[in-house]
Amino acid sequence: MLYSFLVEQYKNFGGCRNEEDFVITKTGARLLGKPLPKTVEDVEAERNG
């Protein structure tokens, strides 16, 4: 069932998805790639260049 009033309510909602990839082994974990910003301030600084 689709609640169209909810679609209208949230269709202009913005956001970003911040994902990192890790390799997990028996002895620990390692981040693949560079660390991504975690705080709101760091994310906004990254987005604003």
PDB file of N, CA and C in Angstrom:
ATOM      1  N   MET A   1       0.839  -1.167   0.000  1.00  0.00           N
ATOM      2  CA  MET A   1       0.000   0.000   0.000  1.00  0.00           C
ATOM      3  C   MET A   1       0.892   1.240   0.000  1.00  0.00           C
ATOM      4  N   LEU A   2       0.565   2.201  -0.815  1.00  0.00           N
ATOM      5  CA  LEU A   2       1.323   3.446  -0.907  1.00  0.00           C
ATOM      6  C   LEU A   2       0.522   4.571  -0.264  1.00  0.00           C
ATOM      7  N   TYR A   3       1.128   5.238   0.694  1.00  0.00           N
ATOM      8  CA  TYR A   3       0.493   6.371   1.350  1.00  0.00           C
ATOM      9  C   TYR A   3       0.997   7.648   0.683  1.00  0.00           C
ATOM     10  N   SER A   4       0.251   8.109  -0.312  1.00  0.00           N
ATOM     11  CA  SER A   4       0.716   9.248  -1.113  1.00  0.00           C
ATOM     12  C   SER A   4       0.905  10.511  -0.270  1.00  0.00           C
ATOM     13  N   PHE A   5       0.149  10.680   0.794  1.00  0.00           N
ATOM     14  CA  PHE A   5       0.343  11.869   1.620  1.00  0.00           C
ATOM     15  C   PHE A   5       1.723  11.859   2.278  1.00  0.00           C
ATOM     16  N   LEU A   6       2.258  10.674   2.573  1.00  0.00           N
ATOM     17  CA  LEU A   6       3.606  10.596   3.132  1.00  0.00           C
ATOM     18  C   LEU A   6       4.661  10.883   2.076  1.00  0.00           C
ATOM     19  N   VAL A   7       4.412  10.441   0.851  1.00  0.00           N
ATOM     20  CA  VAL A   7       5.340  10.749  -0.246  1.00  0.00           C
ATOM     21  C   VAL A   7       5.439  12.259  -0.398  1.00  0.00           C
ATOM     22  N   GLU A   8       4.302  12.930  -0.428  1.00  0.00           N
ATOM     23  CA  GLU A   8       4.296  14.388  -0.543  1.00  0.00           C
ATOM     24  C   GLU A   8       5.003  15.043   0.636  1.00  0.00           C
ATOM     25  N   GLN A   9       4.808  14.510   1.823  1.00  0.00           N
ATOM     26  CA  GLN A   9       5.398  15.092   3.029  1.00  0.00           C
ATOM     27  C   GLN A   9       6.920  15.001   3.014  1.00  0.00           C
ATOM     28  N   TYR A  10       7.459  13.905   2.507  1.00  0.00           N
ATOM     29  CA  TYR A  10       8.900  13.673   2.598  1.00  0.00           C
ATOM     30  C   TYR A  10       9.651  13.777   1.274  1.00  0.00           C
ATOM     31  N   LYS A  11       9.021  14.096   0.174  1.00  0.00           N
ATOM     32  CA  LYS A  11       9.703  14.053  -1.120  1.00  0.00           C
ATOM     33  C   LYS A  11      10.824  15.073  -1.253  1.00  0.00           C
ATOM     34  N   ASN A  12      10.790  16.149  -0.504  1.00  0.00           N
ATOM     35  CA  ASN A  12      11.863  17.146  -0.582  1.00  0.00           C
ATOM     36  C   ASN A  12      12.909  16.976   0.505  1.00  0.00           C
ATOM     37  N   PHE A  13      12.800  15.883   1.257  1.00  0.00           N
ATOM     38  CA  PHE A  13      13.772  15.617   2.303  1.00  0.00           C
ATOM     39  C   PHE A  13      15.115  15.288   1.666  1.00  0.00           C
ATOM     40  N   GLY A  14      16.161  15.931   2.127  1.00  0.00           N
ATOM     41  CA  GLY A  14      17.496  15.663   1.607  1.00  0.00           C
ATOM     42  C   GLY A  14      18.302  14.846   2.597  1.00  0.00           C
ATOM     43  N   GLY A  15      19.435  14.415   2.166  1.00  0.00           N
ATOM     44  CA  GLY A  15      20.299  13.658   3.049  1.00  0.00           C
ATOM     45  C   GLY A  15      21.469  13.091   2.272  1.00  0.00           C
ATOM     46  N   CYS A  16      22.339  12.448   2.963  1.00  0.00           N
ATOM     47  CA  CYS A  16      23.457  11.785   2.300  1.00  0.00           C
ATOM     48  C   CYS A  16      23.725  10.478   3.031  1.00  0.00           C
ATOM     49  N   ARG A  17      24.314   9.583   2.305  1.00  0.00           N
ATOM     50  CA  ARG A  17      24.639   8.273   2.866  1.00  0.00           C
ATOM     51  C   ARG A  17      26.153   8.154   2.909  1.00  0.00           C
ATOM     52  N   ASN A  18      26.675   7.837   4.048  1.00  0.00           N
ATOM     53  CA  ASN A  18      28.111   7.768   4.257  1.00  0.00           C
ATOM     54  C   ASN A  18      28.464   6.327   4.617  1.00  0.00           C
ATOM     55  N   GLU A  19      29.107   5.623   3.694  1.00  0.00           N
ATOM     56  CA  GLU A  19      29.437   4.218   3.924  1.00  0.00           C
ATOM     57  C   GLU A  19      30.930   3.983   3.756  1.00  0.00           C
ATOM     58  N   GLU A  20      31.446   3.100   4.574  1.00  0.00           N
ATOM     59  CA  GLU A  20      32.833   2.679   4.456  1.00  0.00           C
ATOM     60  C   GLU A  20      32.860   1.157   4.352  1.00  0.00           C
ATOM     61  N   ASP A  21      33.889   0.647   3.702  1.00  0.00           N
ATOM     62  CA  ASP A  21      34.046  -0.801   3.550  1.00  0.00           C
ATOM     63  C   ASP A  21      35.231  -1.276   4.382  1.00  0.00           C
ATOM     64  N   PHE A  22      35.028  -2.393   5.047  1.00  0.00           N
ATOM     65  CA  PHE A  22      36.068  -2.991   5.881  1.00  0.00           C
ATOM     66  C   PHE A  22      36.266  -4.439   5.471  1.00  0.00           C
ATOM     67  N   VAL A  23      37.490  -4.916   5.620  1.00  0.00           N
ATOM     68  CA  VAL A  23      37.756  -6.341   5.504  1.00  0.00           C
ATOM     69  C   VAL A  23      37.896  -6.855   6.934  1.00  0.00           C
ATOM     70  N   ILE A  24      37.183  -7.923   7.223  1.00  0.00           N
ATOM     71  CA  ILE A  24      37.177  -8.507   8.563  1.00  0.00           C
ATOM     72  C   ILE A  24      37.899  -9.847   8.509  1.00  0.00           C
ATOM     73  N   THR A  25      38.876 -10.024   9.404  1.00  0.00           N
ATOM     74  CA  THR A  25      39.621 -11.282   9.465  1.00  0.00           C
ATOM     75  C   THR A  25      39.569 -11.826  10.890  1.00  0.00           C
ATOM     76  N   LYS A  26      40.179 -12.959  11.104  1.00  0.00           N
ATOM     77  CA  LYS A  26      40.234 -13.548  12.447  1.00  0.00           C
ATOM     78  C   LYS A  26      41.040 -12.684  13.409  1.00  0.00           C
ATOM     79  N   THR A  27      41.962 -11.885  12.872  1.00  0.00           N
ATOM     80  CA  THR A  27      42.837 -11.092  13.740  1.00  0.00           C
ATOM     81  C   THR A  27      42.433  -9.622  13.841  1.00  0.00           C
ATOM     82  N   GLY A  28      41.371  -9.208  13.156  1.00  0.00           N
ATOM     83  CA  GLY A  28      40.956  -7.810  13.260  1.00  0.00           C
ATOM     84  C   GLY A  28      40.222  -7.327  12.024  1.00  0.00           C
ATOM     85  N   ALA A  29      40.217  -6.021  11.842  1.00  0.00           N
ATOM     86  CA  ALA A  29      39.528  -5.397  10.718  1.00  0.00           C
ATOM     87  C   ALA A  29      40.405  -4.298  10.138  1.00  0.00           C
ATOM     88  N   ARG A  30      40.236  -4.040   8.831  1.00  0.00           N
ATOM     89  CA  ARG A  30      41.005  -2.993   8.167  1.00  0.00           C
ATOM     90  C   ARG A  30      40.080  -2.225   7.243  1.00  0.00           C
ATOM     91  N   LEU A  31      40.140  -0.900   7.320  1.00  0.00           N
ATOM     92  CA  LEU A  31      39.354  -0.030   6.460  1.00  0.00           C
ATOM     93  C   LEU A  31      39.905  -0.084   5.048  1.00  0.00           C
ATOM     94  N   LEU A  32      39.033  -0.284   4.084  1.00  0.00           N
ATOM     95  CA  LEU A  32      39.424  -0.250   2.679  1.00  0.00           C
ATOM     96  C   LEU A  32      39.147   1.151   2.144  1.00  0.00           C
ATOM     97  N   GLY A  33      40.163   1.848   1.740  1.00  0.00           N
ATOM     98  CA  GLY A  33      40.006   3.219   1.263  1.00  0.00           C
ATOM     99  C   GLY A  33      40.292   4.220   2.364  1.00  0.00           C
ATOM    100  N   LYS A  34      40.072   5.491   2.028  1.00  0.00           N
ATOM    101  CA  LYS A  34      40.353   6.548   3.005  1.00  0.00           C
ATOM    102  C   LYS A  34      39.179   6.718   3.957  1.00  0.00           C
ATOM    103  N   PRO A  35      39.450   7.135   5.187  1.00  0.00           N
ATOM    104  CA  PRO A  35      38.365   7.369   6.144  1.00  0.00           C
ATOM    105  C   PRO A  35      37.457   8.503   5.656  1.00  0.00           C
ATOM    106  N   LEU A  36      36.166   8.354   5.858  1.00  0.00           N
ATOM    107  CA  LEU A  36      35.200   9.376   5.467  1.00  0.00           C
ATOM    108  C   LEU A  36      34.881  10.262   6.662  1.00  0.00           C
ATOM    109  N   PRO A  37      34.416  11.490   6.392  1.00  0.00           N
ATOM    110  CA  PRO A  37      34.067  12.379   7.499  1.00  0.00           C
ATOM    111  C   PRO A  37      32.930  11.798   8.330  1.00  0.00           C
ATOM    112  N   LYS A  38      32.962  12.031   9.626  1.00  0.00           N
ATOM    113  CA  LYS A  38      31.975  11.442  10.537  1.00  0.00           C
ATOM    114  C   LYS A  38      31.032  12.475  11.143  1.00  0.00           C
ATOM    115  N   THR A  39      31.534  13.663  11.457  1.00  0.00           N
ATOM    116  CA  THR A  39      30.695  14.665  12.111  1.00  0.00           C
ATOM    117  C   THR A  39      29.934  15.479  11.068  1.00  0.00           C
ATOM    118  N   VAL A  40      28.870  16.124  11.509  1.00  0.00           N
ATOM    119  CA  VAL A  40      28.093  16.979  10.605  1.00  0.00           C
ATOM    120  C   VAL A  40      28.994  18.057  10.012  1.00  0.00           C
ATOM    121  N   GLU A  41      29.819  18.658  10.854  1.00  0.00           N
ATOM    122  CA  GLU A  41      30.703  19.726  10.385  1.00  0.00           C
ATOM    123  C   GLU A  41      31.682  19.219   9.328  1.00  0.00           C
ATOM    124  N   ASP A  42      32.247  18.048   9.553  1.00  0.00           N
ATOM    125  CA  ASP A  42      33.210  17.490   8.592  1.00  0.00           C
ATOM    126  C   ASP A  42      32.514  17.106   7.271  1.00  0.00           C
ATOM    127  N   VAL A  43      31.314  16.562   7.348  1.00  0.00           N
ATOM    128  CA  VAL A  43      30.567  16.206   6.136  1.00  0.00           C
ATOM    129  C   VAL A  43      30.240  17.458   5.341  1.00  0.00           C
ATOM    130  N   GLU A  44      29.776  18.500   6.018  1.00  0.00           N
ATOM    131  CA  GLU A  44      29.449  19.745   5.315  1.00  0.00           C
ATOM    132  C   GLU A  44      30.692  20.376   4.697  1.00  0.00           C
ATOM    133  N   ALA A  45      31.809  20.346   5.393  1.00  0.00           N
ATOM    134  CA  ALA A  45      33.053  20.871   4.840  1.00  0.00           C
ATOM    135  C   ALA A  45      33.470  20.106   3.603  1.00  0.00           C
ATOM    136  N   GLU A  46      33.327  18.794   3.627  1.00  0.00           N
ATOM    137  CA  GLU A  46      33.653  17.948   2.473  1.00  0.00           C
ATOM    138  C   GLU A  46      32.751  18.273   1.293  1.00  0.00           C
ATOM    139  N   ARG A  47      31.466  18.426   1.546  1.00  0.00           N
ATOM    140  CA  ARG A  47      30.502  18.713   0.477  1.00  0.00           C
ATOM    141  C   ARG A  47      30.710  20.095  -0.119  1.00  0.00           C
ATOM    142  N   ASN A  48      31.157  21.057   0.695  1.00  0.00           N
ATOM    143  CA  ASN A  48      31.343  22.444   0.224  1.00  0.00           C
ATOM    144  C   ASN A  48      32.704  22.660  -0.416  1.00  0.00           C
ATOM    145  N   GLY A  49      33.542  21.630  -0.388  1.00  0.00           N
ATOM    146  CA  GLY A  49      34.835  21.682  -1.055  1.00  0.00           C
ATOM    147  C   GLY A  49      35.804  22.555  -0.387  1.00  0.00           C
TER     148      GLY A  49
END
